[in-house]
């Protein structure tokens, strides 16, 4: 499948924030879908990760979980992931994940806006 959704640097950072929120169970479903003021770009990141089959929705809290593919992705990039958790603004870490996320093929079709 082609990768129609380009991973902009801001989207990459938000993708990593989504991964982090999923692991800590710290956000509402509205946060993931950009319903929180100033977080509209989080919805783009959530959609990007879903389209790449790295996360999937679930009923009840937390609203998302990592797929087996998502777990493998973070394990494969463990060193960079740990670097992100320590310092979310490290440029080299964001660049690492931008490259890594571009290499993951999309498997889901684009969703219609709700």
Protein backbone atom coordinates (compact mmCIF):
# COMPACT_ATOMS: atom_id res chain seq x y z
CA UNK A 1 0.00 0.00 0.00
CA UNK A 2 1.18 3.54 -0.62
CA UNK A 3 1.89 5.94 2.18
CA UNK A 4 -0.36 8.88 1.47
CA UNK A 5 -0.04 10.44 4.92
CA UNK A 6 3.32 12.19 5.19
CA UNK A 7 4.86 12.29 8.61
CA UNK A 8 5.52 15.97 9.35
CA UNK A 9 7.83 16.70 12.28
CA UNK A 10 4.98 17.96 14.46
CA UNK A 11 2.97 14.86 13.65
CA UNK A 12 5.91 12.65 14.63
CA UNK A 13 6.12 14.29 18.05
CA UNK A 14 2.38 13.88 18.52
CA UNK A 15 2.60 10.23 17.43
CA UNK A 16 5.13 9.66 20.18
CA UNK A 17 2.88 11.48 22.65
CA UNK A 18 0.02 9.19 21.62
CA UNK A 19 2.23 6.12 22.20
CA UNK A 20 3.15 7.50 25.61
CA UNK A 21 -0.47 8.25 26.54
CA UNK A 22 -1.51 4.73 25.55
CA UNK A 23 1.14 3.23 27.77
CA UNK A 24 0.27 5.41 30.76
CA UNK A 25 -3.52 5.37 30.26
CA UNK A 26 -3.53 9.09 30.87
CA UNK A 27 -5.87 10.56 28.26
CA UNK A 28 -9.53 10.59 27.33
CA UNK A 29 -10.82 9.57 23.92
CA UNK A 30 -11.47 13.26 23.20
CA UNK A 31 -7.75 14.01 23.59
CA UNK A 32 -6.86 11.35 21.00
CA UNK A 33 -9.37 12.79 18.53
CA UNK A 34 -8.29 16.41 19.00
CA UNK A 35 -11.37 17.51 20.93
CA UNK A 36 -9.18 19.21 23.56
CA UNK A 37 -8.31 22.84 22.78
CA UNK A 38 -4.91 23.11 21.11
CA UNK A 39 -4.69 19.36 20.44
CA UNK A 40 -6.23 19.12 16.96
CA UNK A 41 -2.94 17.79 15.59
CA UNK A 42 -3.12 14.87 18.03
CA UNK A 43 -6.08 13.58 16.00
CA UNK A 44 -3.86 13.53 12.90
CA UNK A 45 -1.24 11.54 14.82
CA UNK A 46 -3.83 9.12 16.20
CA UNK A 47 -5.16 8.53 12.70
CA UNK A 48 -1.64 8.04 11.31
CA UNK A 49 -0.82 5.40 13.93
CA UNK A 50 -4.17 3.66 13.39
CA UNK A 51 -3.70 3.62 9.61
CA UNK A 52 -0.31 1.99 10.10
CA UNK A 53 -1.89 -0.60 12.44
CA UNK A 54 0.35 0.41 15.35
CA UNK A 55 -2.62 1.17 17.61
CA UNK A 56 -6.22 -0.01 17.74
CA UNK A 57 -9.31 1.31 19.42
CA UNK A 58 -11.00 -0.50 22.23
CA UNK A 59 -14.17 -0.17 24.27
CA UNK A 60 -13.81 1.62 27.58
CA UNK A 61 -10.75 3.25 29.07
CA UNK A 62 -8.15 3.45 27.80
CA UNK A 63 -9.68 4.16 24.38
CA UNK A 64 -6.63 2.78 22.51
CA UNK A 65 -4.01 0.10 22.93
CA UNK A 66 -0.88 -0.92 21.09
CA UNK A 67 -1.30 -3.65 18.52
CA UNK A 68 1.27 -6.46 18.45
CA UNK A 69 2.82 -4.57 15.52
CA UNK A 70 2.96 -1.41 17.66
CA UNK A 71 4.59 -3.27 20.53
CA UNK A 72 7.20 -4.68 18.16
CA UNK A 73 7.77 -1.22 16.69
CA UNK A 74 8.55 0.29 20.09
CA UNK A 75 10.74 -2.67 21.07
CA UNK A 76 12.66 -2.37 17.81
CA UNK A 77 13.28 1.31 18.54
CA UNK A 78 13.72 0.87 22.31
CA UNK A 79 16.81 3.07 22.66
CA UNK A 80 15.22 5.97 20.76
CA UNK A 81 11.94 5.47 22.64
CA UNK A 82 13.73 5.68 25.98
CA UNK A 83 15.53 8.81 24.76
CA UNK A 84 12.15 10.37 23.90
CA UNK A 85 10.79 9.58 27.36
CA UNK A 86 13.76 11.36 28.94
CA UNK A 87 13.83 14.37 26.58
CA UNK A 88 10.87 14.70 24.22
CA UNK A 89 12.46 17.59 22.34
CA UNK A 90 15.67 15.88 21.15
CA UNK A 91 15.85 16.56 17.44
CA UNK A 92 17.77 13.37 16.64
CA UNK A 93 15.13 11.26 18.38
CA UNK A 94 12.31 12.92 16.45
CA UNK A 95 14.23 12.45 13.19
CA UNK A 96 14.81 8.79 14.06
CA UNK A 97 11.09 8.21 14.54
CA UNK A 98 10.17 10.25 11.47
CA UNK A 99 12.25 7.87 9.38
CA UNK A 100 10.98 4.78 11.21
CA UNK A 101 7.31 5.75 10.92
CA UNK A 102 7.65 6.52 7.20
CA UNK A 103 8.84 2.96 6.68
CA UNK A 104 5.69 1.46 8.23
CA UNK A 105 3.13 0.81 5.51
CA UNK A 106 -0.46 1.90 5.96
CA UNK A 107 -2.93 -0.96 6.15
CA UNK A 108 -6.17 0.86 6.91
CA UNK A 109 -8.11 3.18 4.64
CA UNK A 110 -8.61 6.82 5.60
CA UNK A 111 -11.58 7.35 7.90
CA UNK A 112 -14.24 9.90 7.14
CA UNK A 113 -14.18 12.86 9.49
CA UNK A 114 -16.72 12.45 12.25
